[in-house]
N, C-alpha and C. Protein backbone atom coordinates (compact mmCIF):
# COMPACT_ATOMS: atom_id res chain seq x y z
N UNK A 1 -86.74 -16.31 5.43
CA UNK A 1 -85.41 -16.26 4.85
C UNK A 1 -85.01 -17.62 4.28
N UNK A 2 -85.40 -18.68 4.97
CA UNK A 2 -85.07 -20.03 4.50
C UNK A 2 -85.72 -20.32 3.16
N UNK A 3 -86.97 -19.87 3.00
CA UNK A 3 -87.67 -20.10 1.73
C UNK A 3 -86.98 -19.34 0.59
N UNK A 4 -86.56 -18.11 0.86
CA UNK A 4 -85.86 -17.33 -0.16
C UNK A 4 -84.55 -18.00 -0.57
N UNK A 5 -83.81 -18.50 0.41
CA UNK A 5 -82.55 -19.18 0.11
C UNK A 5 -82.79 -20.46 -0.68
N UNK A 6 -83.86 -21.16 -0.36
CA UNK A 6 -84.20 -22.37 -1.10
C UNK A 6 -84.56 -22.05 -2.55
N UNK A 7 -85.33 -20.99 -2.74
CA UNK A 7 -85.69 -20.57 -4.10
C UNK A 7 -84.46 -20.11 -4.87
N UNK A 8 -83.55 -19.40 -4.21
CA UNK A 8 -82.30 -18.97 -4.86
C UNK A 8 -81.47 -20.19 -5.27
N UNK A 9 -81.43 -21.20 -4.40
CA UNK A 9 -80.69 -22.42 -4.70
C UNK A 9 -81.30 -23.13 -5.92
N UNK A 10 -82.61 -23.27 -5.93
CA UNK A 10 -83.29 -23.98 -7.02
C UNK A 10 -83.15 -23.22 -8.34
N UNK A 11 -83.29 -21.89 -8.28
CA UNK A 11 -83.17 -21.12 -9.53
C UNK A 11 -81.75 -21.17 -10.06
N UNK A 12 -80.75 -21.09 -9.20
CA UNK A 12 -79.37 -21.21 -9.66
C UNK A 12 -79.09 -22.59 -10.23
N UNK A 13 -79.62 -23.61 -9.59
CA UNK A 13 -79.45 -24.97 -10.07
C UNK A 13 -80.13 -25.15 -11.43
N UNK A 14 -81.32 -24.61 -11.59
CA UNK A 14 -82.04 -24.74 -12.86
C UNK A 14 -81.30 -24.03 -13.99
N UNK A 15 -80.80 -22.84 -13.73
CA UNK A 15 -80.06 -22.14 -14.77
C UNK A 15 -78.72 -22.80 -15.06
N UNK A 16 -78.12 -23.41 -14.06
CA UNK A 16 -76.88 -24.16 -14.31
C UNK A 16 -77.15 -25.34 -15.24
N UNK A 17 -78.29 -25.98 -15.07
CA UNK A 17 -78.66 -27.08 -15.98
C UNK A 17 -78.91 -26.54 -17.38
N UNK A 18 -79.60 -25.41 -17.48
CA UNK A 18 -79.87 -24.81 -18.79
C UNK A 18 -78.58 -24.42 -19.50
N UNK A 19 -77.59 -23.94 -18.73
CA UNK A 19 -76.32 -23.50 -19.31
C UNK A 19 -75.32 -24.65 -19.47
N UNK A 20 -75.77 -25.88 -19.32
CA UNK A 20 -74.95 -27.08 -19.53
C UNK A 20 -73.70 -27.13 -18.66
N UNK A 21 -73.85 -26.76 -17.40
CA UNK A 21 -72.76 -26.91 -16.44
C UNK A 21 -72.58 -28.41 -16.20
N UNK A 22 -71.34 -28.91 -16.16
CA UNK A 22 -71.14 -30.34 -15.88
C UNK A 22 -71.81 -30.76 -14.56
N UNK A 23 -72.31 -31.97 -14.54
CA UNK A 23 -73.13 -32.44 -13.42
C UNK A 23 -72.40 -32.33 -12.09
N UNK A 24 -71.13 -32.61 -12.07
CA UNK A 24 -70.42 -32.59 -10.79
C UNK A 24 -70.21 -31.19 -10.23
N UNK A 25 -70.46 -30.14 -11.04
CA UNK A 25 -70.31 -28.76 -10.57
C UNK A 25 -71.64 -28.04 -10.42
N UNK A 26 -72.75 -28.73 -10.61
CA UNK A 26 -74.07 -28.13 -10.45
C UNK A 26 -74.29 -27.62 -9.02
N UNK A 27 -73.92 -28.42 -8.06
CA UNK A 27 -74.12 -28.04 -6.67
C UNK A 27 -73.30 -26.80 -6.31
N UNK A 28 -72.09 -26.71 -6.84
CA UNK A 28 -71.23 -25.56 -6.56
C UNK A 28 -71.83 -24.27 -7.12
N UNK A 29 -72.36 -24.33 -8.33
CA UNK A 29 -73.01 -23.16 -8.92
C UNK A 29 -74.25 -22.75 -8.15
N UNK A 30 -75.03 -23.74 -7.72
CA UNK A 30 -76.24 -23.45 -6.95
C UNK A 30 -75.91 -22.86 -5.58
N UNK A 31 -74.86 -23.36 -4.96
CA UNK A 31 -74.44 -22.81 -3.67
C UNK A 31 -73.90 -21.39 -3.83
N UNK A 32 -73.26 -21.10 -4.94
CA UNK A 32 -72.79 -19.73 -5.19
C UNK A 32 -73.98 -18.78 -5.31
N UNK A 33 -75.04 -19.20 -5.97
CA UNK A 33 -76.24 -18.38 -6.05
C UNK A 33 -76.89 -18.17 -4.70
N UNK A 34 -76.91 -19.21 -3.89
CA UNK A 34 -77.48 -19.10 -2.55
C UNK A 34 -76.64 -18.16 -1.69
N UNK A 35 -75.33 -18.26 -1.81
CA UNK A 35 -74.42 -17.39 -1.06
C UNK A 35 -74.61 -15.94 -1.47
N UNK A 36 -74.74 -15.69 -2.76
CA UNK A 36 -74.96 -14.33 -3.25
C UNK A 36 -76.28 -13.77 -2.74
N UNK A 37 -77.33 -14.59 -2.76
CA UNK A 37 -78.62 -14.12 -2.28
C UNK A 37 -78.59 -13.85 -0.78
N UNK A 38 -77.85 -14.66 -0.03
CA UNK A 38 -77.72 -14.44 1.41
C UNK A 38 -77.05 -13.10 1.69
N UNK A 39 -76.00 -12.78 0.96
CA UNK A 39 -75.34 -11.49 1.13
C UNK A 39 -76.29 -10.36 0.74
N UNK A 40 -76.99 -10.52 -0.37
CA UNK A 40 -77.92 -9.51 -0.86
C UNK A 40 -78.99 -9.20 0.17
N UNK A 41 -79.62 -10.22 0.72
CA UNK A 41 -80.69 -10.00 1.70
C UNK A 41 -80.15 -9.51 3.04
N UNK A 42 -78.95 -9.92 3.41
CA UNK A 42 -78.36 -9.48 4.68
C UNK A 42 -78.02 -8.00 4.66
N UNK A 43 -77.68 -7.47 3.49
CA UNK A 43 -77.30 -6.06 3.38
C UNK A 43 -78.46 -5.14 3.02
N UNK A 44 -79.66 -5.65 2.92
CA UNK A 44 -80.82 -4.79 2.77
C UNK A 44 -81.48 -4.78 1.42
N UNK A 45 -80.94 -5.42 0.41
CA UNK A 45 -81.62 -5.52 -0.87
C UNK A 45 -81.51 -4.28 -1.74
N UNK A 46 -80.47 -3.47 -1.58
CA UNK A 46 -80.28 -2.29 -2.41
C UNK A 46 -79.28 -2.58 -3.53
N UNK A 47 -79.00 -1.58 -4.36
CA UNK A 47 -77.99 -1.77 -5.41
C UNK A 47 -76.60 -1.97 -4.81
N UNK A 48 -76.34 -1.36 -3.68
CA UNK A 48 -75.07 -1.59 -2.98
C UNK A 48 -74.98 -3.04 -2.53
N UNK A 49 -76.08 -3.58 -2.06
CA UNK A 49 -76.11 -4.99 -1.65
C UNK A 49 -75.88 -5.89 -2.86
N UNK A 50 -76.44 -5.52 -4.01
CA UNK A 50 -76.19 -6.31 -5.23
C UNK A 50 -74.70 -6.28 -5.58
N UNK A 51 -74.08 -5.12 -5.43
CA UNK A 51 -72.64 -5.01 -5.71
C UNK A 51 -71.84 -5.93 -4.81
N UNK A 52 -72.08 -5.85 -3.50
CA UNK A 52 -71.30 -6.68 -2.57
C UNK A 52 -71.61 -8.17 -2.74
N UNK A 53 -72.84 -8.50 -3.08
CA UNK A 53 -73.19 -9.90 -3.33
C UNK A 53 -72.47 -10.41 -4.58
N UNK A 54 -72.38 -9.59 -5.61
CA UNK A 54 -71.67 -10.04 -6.82
C UNK A 54 -70.17 -10.12 -6.58
N UNK A 55 -69.62 -9.27 -5.72
CA UNK A 55 -68.21 -9.42 -5.35
C UNK A 55 -68.02 -10.74 -4.61
N UNK A 56 -68.92 -11.06 -3.71
CA UNK A 56 -68.84 -12.34 -2.99
C UNK A 56 -68.95 -13.53 -3.91
N UNK A 57 -69.87 -13.47 -4.86
CA UNK A 57 -70.02 -14.56 -5.84
C UNK A 57 -68.76 -14.66 -6.70
N UNK A 58 -68.21 -13.52 -7.10
CA UNK A 58 -66.99 -13.53 -7.91
C UNK A 58 -65.81 -14.14 -7.18
N UNK A 59 -65.65 -13.79 -5.91
CA UNK A 59 -64.55 -14.37 -5.12
C UNK A 59 -64.76 -15.86 -4.91
N UNK A 60 -66.00 -16.26 -4.64
CA UNK A 60 -66.31 -17.68 -4.49
C UNK A 60 -66.05 -18.43 -5.79
N UNK A 61 -66.42 -17.82 -6.91
CA UNK A 61 -66.21 -18.46 -8.21
C UNK A 61 -64.72 -18.59 -8.52
N UNK A 62 -63.95 -17.56 -8.22
CA UNK A 62 -62.50 -17.65 -8.45
C UNK A 62 -61.87 -18.73 -7.57
N UNK A 63 -62.24 -18.75 -6.30
CA UNK A 63 -61.70 -19.77 -5.40
C UNK A 63 -62.11 -21.17 -5.80
N UNK A 64 -63.38 -21.35 -6.14
CA UNK A 64 -63.85 -22.66 -6.56
C UNK A 64 -63.23 -23.10 -7.88
N UNK A 65 -63.03 -22.14 -8.77
CA UNK A 65 -62.43 -22.48 -10.06
C UNK A 65 -60.98 -22.93 -9.88
N UNK A 66 -60.28 -22.30 -8.99
CA UNK A 66 -58.89 -22.72 -8.74
C UNK A 66 -58.84 -24.05 -8.01
N UNK A 67 -59.78 -24.24 -7.08
CA UNK A 67 -59.78 -25.48 -6.30
C UNK A 67 -60.14 -26.69 -7.16
N UNK A 68 -61.16 -26.53 -8.01
CA UNK A 68 -61.64 -27.65 -8.80
C UNK A 68 -61.11 -27.65 -10.23
N UNK A 69 -60.29 -26.66 -10.57
CA UNK A 69 -59.68 -26.54 -11.90
C UNK A 69 -60.71 -26.54 -13.02
N UNK A 70 -61.66 -25.62 -12.90
CA UNK A 70 -62.70 -25.43 -13.91
C UNK A 70 -62.72 -23.95 -14.28
N UNK A 71 -63.32 -23.59 -15.41
CA UNK A 71 -63.46 -22.16 -15.74
C UNK A 71 -64.33 -21.43 -14.71
N UNK A 72 -64.02 -20.18 -14.49
CA UNK A 72 -64.74 -19.38 -13.50
C UNK A 72 -66.21 -19.25 -13.86
N UNK A 73 -66.53 -19.18 -15.14
CA UNK A 73 -67.91 -18.97 -15.56
C UNK A 73 -68.84 -20.11 -15.16
N UNK A 74 -68.29 -21.30 -14.98
CA UNK A 74 -69.12 -22.44 -14.57
C UNK A 74 -69.74 -22.19 -13.20
N UNK A 75 -69.06 -21.44 -12.36
CA UNK A 75 -69.57 -21.13 -11.03
C UNK A 75 -70.21 -19.75 -10.98
N UNK A 76 -69.64 -18.78 -11.69
CA UNK A 76 -70.09 -17.39 -11.57
C UNK A 76 -71.45 -17.15 -12.23
N UNK A 77 -71.68 -17.74 -13.39
CA UNK A 77 -72.94 -17.47 -14.10
C UNK A 77 -74.15 -17.96 -13.32
N UNK A 78 -74.17 -19.22 -12.85
CA UNK A 78 -75.33 -19.60 -12.02
C UNK A 78 -75.38 -18.83 -10.70
N UNK A 79 -74.23 -18.36 -10.24
CA UNK A 79 -74.19 -17.63 -8.98
C UNK A 79 -74.83 -16.26 -9.02
N UNK A 80 -74.80 -15.61 -10.17
CA UNK A 80 -75.38 -14.27 -10.24
C UNK A 80 -76.85 -14.28 -10.67
N UNK A 81 -77.36 -15.42 -11.06
CA UNK A 81 -78.75 -15.49 -11.54
C UNK A 81 -79.77 -14.94 -10.54
N UNK A 82 -79.68 -15.26 -9.24
CA UNK A 82 -80.68 -14.68 -8.33
C UNK A 82 -80.57 -13.16 -8.19
N UNK A 83 -79.45 -12.58 -8.56
CA UNK A 83 -79.25 -11.14 -8.41
C UNK A 83 -79.72 -10.34 -9.63
N UNK A 84 -79.96 -11.01 -10.74
CA UNK A 84 -80.33 -10.32 -11.98
C UNK A 84 -81.69 -9.64 -11.79
N UNK A 85 -81.78 -8.36 -12.14
CA UNK A 85 -83.02 -7.60 -11.88
C UNK A 85 -84.10 -7.84 -12.94
N UNK A 86 -84.61 -9.03 -13.01
CA UNK A 86 -85.63 -9.36 -14.00
C UNK A 86 -86.94 -8.65 -13.76
N UNK A 87 -87.33 -8.51 -12.50
CA UNK A 87 -88.58 -7.83 -12.19
C UNK A 87 -88.50 -6.35 -12.57
N UNK A 88 -87.33 -5.76 -12.42
CA UNK A 88 -87.15 -4.36 -12.81
C UNK A 88 -87.28 -4.18 -14.31
N UNK A 89 -86.72 -5.10 -15.08
CA UNK A 89 -86.83 -5.03 -16.54
C UNK A 89 -88.29 -5.23 -16.97
N UNK A 90 -88.98 -6.14 -16.33
CA UNK A 90 -90.40 -6.37 -16.63
C UNK A 90 -91.22 -5.13 -16.30
N UNK A 91 -90.97 -4.54 -15.15
CA UNK A 91 -91.72 -3.35 -14.75
C UNK A 91 -91.45 -2.18 -15.67
N UNK A 92 -90.21 -2.08 -16.16
CA UNK A 92 -89.88 -1.02 -17.11
C UNK A 92 -90.68 -1.18 -18.40
N UNK A 93 -90.71 -2.39 -18.93
CA UNK A 93 -91.47 -2.64 -20.16
C UNK A 93 -92.97 -2.43 -19.95
N UNK A 94 -93.47 -2.84 -18.80
CA UNK A 94 -94.89 -2.66 -18.50
C UNK A 94 -95.24 -1.18 -18.43
N UNK A 95 -94.38 -0.39 -17.80
CA UNK A 95 -94.62 1.06 -17.72
C UNK A 95 -94.57 1.69 -19.11
N UNK A 96 -93.68 1.22 -19.96
CA UNK A 96 -93.62 1.75 -21.33
C UNK A 96 -94.88 1.42 -22.11
N UNK A 97 -95.37 0.21 -21.96
CA UNK A 97 -96.59 -0.20 -22.66
C UNK A 97 -97.80 0.60 -22.18
N UNK A 98 -97.85 0.89 -20.89
CA UNK A 98 -98.96 1.67 -20.33
C UNK A 98 -98.85 3.16 -20.64
N UNK A 99 -97.69 3.59 -21.15
CA UNK A 99 -97.51 5.01 -21.48
C UNK A 99 -96.95 5.84 -20.36
N UNK A 100 -96.53 5.22 -19.28
CA UNK A 100 -95.94 5.94 -18.14
C UNK A 100 -94.43 6.06 -18.38
N UNK A 101 -94.05 7.07 -19.14
CA UNK A 101 -92.65 7.19 -19.55
C UNK A 101 -91.74 7.63 -18.39
N UNK A 102 -92.25 8.43 -17.49
CA UNK A 102 -91.46 8.85 -16.33
C UNK A 102 -91.20 7.65 -15.42
N UNK A 103 -92.24 6.87 -15.17
CA UNK A 103 -92.07 5.66 -14.36
C UNK A 103 -91.13 4.66 -15.02
N UNK A 104 -91.24 4.53 -16.34
CA UNK A 104 -90.36 3.61 -17.06
C UNK A 104 -88.90 4.08 -16.96
N UNK A 105 -88.69 5.39 -17.05
CA UNK A 105 -87.34 5.93 -16.94
C UNK A 105 -86.77 5.71 -15.55
N UNK A 106 -87.60 5.90 -14.54
CA UNK A 106 -87.15 5.71 -13.15
C UNK A 106 -86.79 4.25 -12.89
N UNK A 107 -87.72 3.37 -13.22
CA UNK A 107 -87.47 1.94 -12.96
C UNK A 107 -86.34 1.41 -13.85
N UNK A 108 -86.31 1.87 -15.09
CA UNK A 108 -85.25 1.43 -16.01
C UNK A 108 -83.87 1.86 -15.54
N UNK A 109 -83.77 3.07 -15.00
CA UNK A 109 -82.49 3.54 -14.47
C UNK A 109 -82.04 2.70 -13.29
N UNK A 110 -82.96 2.40 -12.39
CA UNK A 110 -82.63 1.54 -11.24
C UNK A 110 -82.18 0.15 -11.72
N UNK A 111 -82.85 -0.37 -12.73
CA UNK A 111 -82.50 -1.68 -13.27
C UNK A 111 -81.12 -1.66 -13.91
N UNK A 112 -80.82 -0.60 -14.65
CA UNK A 112 -79.49 -0.49 -15.26
C UNK A 112 -78.40 -0.35 -14.20
N UNK A 113 -78.67 0.39 -13.13
CA UNK A 113 -77.69 0.50 -12.04
C UNK A 113 -77.47 -0.86 -11.37
N UNK A 114 -78.54 -1.63 -11.21
CA UNK A 114 -78.40 -2.97 -10.61
C UNK A 114 -77.56 -3.88 -11.51
N UNK A 115 -77.81 -3.83 -12.82
CA UNK A 115 -77.02 -4.64 -13.75
C UNK A 115 -75.57 -4.18 -13.77
N UNK A 116 -75.37 -2.88 -13.69
CA UNK A 116 -74.00 -2.36 -13.63
C UNK A 116 -73.29 -2.77 -12.35
N UNK A 117 -74.03 -2.81 -11.24
CA UNK A 117 -73.44 -3.24 -9.97
C UNK A 117 -72.99 -4.69 -10.05
N UNK A 118 -73.77 -5.52 -10.74
CA UNK A 118 -73.38 -6.93 -10.92
C UNK A 118 -72.10 -7.01 -11.75
N UNK A 119 -72.06 -6.28 -12.86
CA UNK A 119 -70.89 -6.33 -13.74
C UNK A 119 -69.63 -5.82 -13.05
N UNK A 120 -69.74 -4.71 -12.37
CA UNK A 120 -68.57 -4.14 -11.70
C UNK A 120 -68.14 -5.03 -10.53
N UNK A 121 -69.09 -5.59 -9.81
CA UNK A 121 -68.75 -6.46 -8.68
C UNK A 121 -68.02 -7.72 -9.12
N UNK A 122 -68.51 -8.36 -10.18
CA UNK A 122 -67.83 -9.56 -10.70
C UNK A 122 -66.44 -9.19 -11.22
N UNK A 123 -66.35 -8.08 -11.95
CA UNK A 123 -65.04 -7.67 -12.49
C UNK A 123 -64.07 -7.32 -11.38
N UNK A 124 -64.55 -6.63 -10.37
CA UNK A 124 -63.68 -6.24 -9.26
C UNK A 124 -63.17 -7.46 -8.50
N UNK A 125 -63.95 -8.51 -8.45
CA UNK A 125 -63.54 -9.72 -7.74
C UNK A 125 -62.61 -10.58 -8.57
N UNK A 126 -62.78 -10.61 -9.89
CA UNK A 126 -62.02 -11.57 -10.69
C UNK A 126 -60.77 -10.99 -11.34
N UNK A 127 -60.80 -9.73 -11.75
CA UNK A 127 -59.65 -9.18 -12.48
C UNK A 127 -58.38 -9.12 -11.64
N UNK A 128 -58.39 -8.59 -10.41
CA UNK A 128 -57.14 -8.57 -9.64
C UNK A 128 -56.57 -9.96 -9.39
N UNK A 129 -57.43 -10.95 -9.17
CA UNK A 129 -56.94 -12.30 -8.93
C UNK A 129 -56.31 -12.90 -10.18
N UNK A 130 -56.80 -12.51 -11.35
CA UNK A 130 -56.21 -13.01 -12.59
C UNK A 130 -54.86 -12.37 -12.87
N UNK A 131 -54.65 -11.15 -12.41
CA UNK A 131 -53.36 -10.49 -12.60
C UNK A 131 -52.28 -11.10 -11.71
N UNK A 132 -52.68 -11.65 -10.58
CA UNK A 132 -51.73 -12.23 -9.65
C UNK A 132 -51.34 -13.65 -10.06
N UNK A 133 -52.09 -14.20 -11.00
CA UNK A 133 -51.90 -15.58 -11.43
C UNK A 133 -50.47 -15.84 -11.87
N UNK A 134 -50.09 -17.10 -11.93
CA UNK A 134 -48.78 -17.52 -12.40
C UNK A 134 -48.51 -16.98 -13.79
N UNK A 135 -47.35 -16.43 -14.00
CA UNK A 135 -47.00 -15.92 -15.31
C UNK A 135 -47.33 -14.45 -15.48
N UNK A 136 -48.13 -13.90 -14.62
CA UNK A 136 -48.47 -12.50 -14.72
C UNK A 136 -47.28 -11.61 -14.45
N UNK A 137 -46.38 -12.08 -13.60
CA UNK A 137 -45.18 -11.32 -13.28
C UNK A 137 -44.30 -11.18 -14.51
N UNK A 138 -44.15 -12.24 -15.29
CA UNK A 138 -43.35 -12.17 -16.52
C UNK A 138 -43.96 -11.19 -17.50
N UNK A 139 -45.27 -11.18 -17.59
CA UNK A 139 -45.94 -10.28 -18.52
C UNK A 139 -45.70 -8.82 -18.12
N UNK A 140 -45.76 -8.56 -16.82
CA UNK A 140 -45.54 -7.19 -16.34
C UNK A 140 -44.09 -6.78 -16.60
N UNK A 141 -43.11 -7.68 -16.36
CA UNK A 141 -41.71 -7.36 -16.61
C UNK A 141 -41.45 -7.08 -18.08
N UNK A 142 -42.08 -7.85 -18.95
CA UNK A 142 -41.87 -7.68 -20.38
C UNK A 142 -42.36 -6.32 -20.85
N UNK A 143 -43.50 -5.92 -20.39
CA UNK A 143 -44.09 -4.68 -20.89
C UNK A 143 -43.63 -3.46 -20.12
N UNK A 144 -42.94 -3.64 -18.99
CA UNK A 144 -42.53 -2.49 -18.19
C UNK A 144 -41.47 -1.65 -18.92
N UNK A 145 -40.61 -2.27 -19.71
CA UNK A 145 -39.54 -1.52 -20.38
C UNK A 145 -39.90 -1.10 -21.79
N UNK A 146 -41.08 -1.37 -22.23
CA UNK A 146 -41.49 -1.01 -23.58
C UNK A 146 -41.90 0.45 -23.60
N UNK A 147 -41.38 1.17 -24.58
CA UNK A 147 -41.74 2.58 -24.71
C UNK A 147 -42.72 2.71 -25.87
N UNK A 148 -43.83 3.36 -25.60
CA UNK A 148 -44.88 3.43 -26.60
C UNK A 148 -45.01 4.84 -27.18
N UNK A 149 -44.27 5.78 -26.65
CA UNK A 149 -44.42 7.17 -27.10
C UNK A 149 -43.95 7.33 -28.54
N UNK A 150 -44.48 8.34 -29.20
CA UNK A 150 -44.13 8.60 -30.60
C UNK A 150 -42.72 9.15 -30.74
N UNK A 151 -42.20 9.77 -29.70
CA UNK A 151 -40.85 10.34 -29.77
C UNK A 151 -39.80 9.24 -29.87
N UNK A 152 -40.01 8.14 -29.15
CA UNK A 152 -39.03 7.07 -29.14
C UNK A 152 -39.25 6.02 -30.24
N UNK A 153 -40.23 6.22 -31.09
CA UNK A 153 -40.51 5.22 -32.10
C UNK A 153 -39.45 5.29 -33.20
N UNK A 154 -39.09 4.14 -33.79
CA UNK A 154 -38.06 4.14 -34.82
C UNK A 154 -38.53 4.87 -36.07
N UNK A 155 -37.56 5.48 -36.75
CA UNK A 155 -37.88 6.23 -37.97
C UNK A 155 -37.96 5.28 -39.14
N UNK A 156 -38.83 5.59 -40.09
CA UNK A 156 -39.02 4.72 -41.24
C UNK A 156 -38.11 5.12 -42.37
């Protein structure tokens, strides 16, 4: 398990460098990736585990972004790198090249579900926190009294 966490840390750190994350936030992005991988492996390595790991990475990214006053993507993108199903995408292409269309469909579907779990997990972690942000209350009050129906629209 220690070796896996070390590899997750190094891969997150390497991708953070590739994505031009500022030097002082490299460690935070790498730790987010390690944290996500720890959750993923602790829950069994299924698509559900990918979902909960991406929720954890999203919450960590939101908290770190607020604490250090940086954009959430600086922490979230390197954090999800260990969870990306690259081996599944490779296996899908390999099965297609070999002519195993049923196998490609099976592996490709699992890969798409894993990618969807990452997207939904990050969105579920970040969107509610952004709605609670300062100024969100004014936005809700402004739009609460607006009528959008065609019956109440002004006549031309």
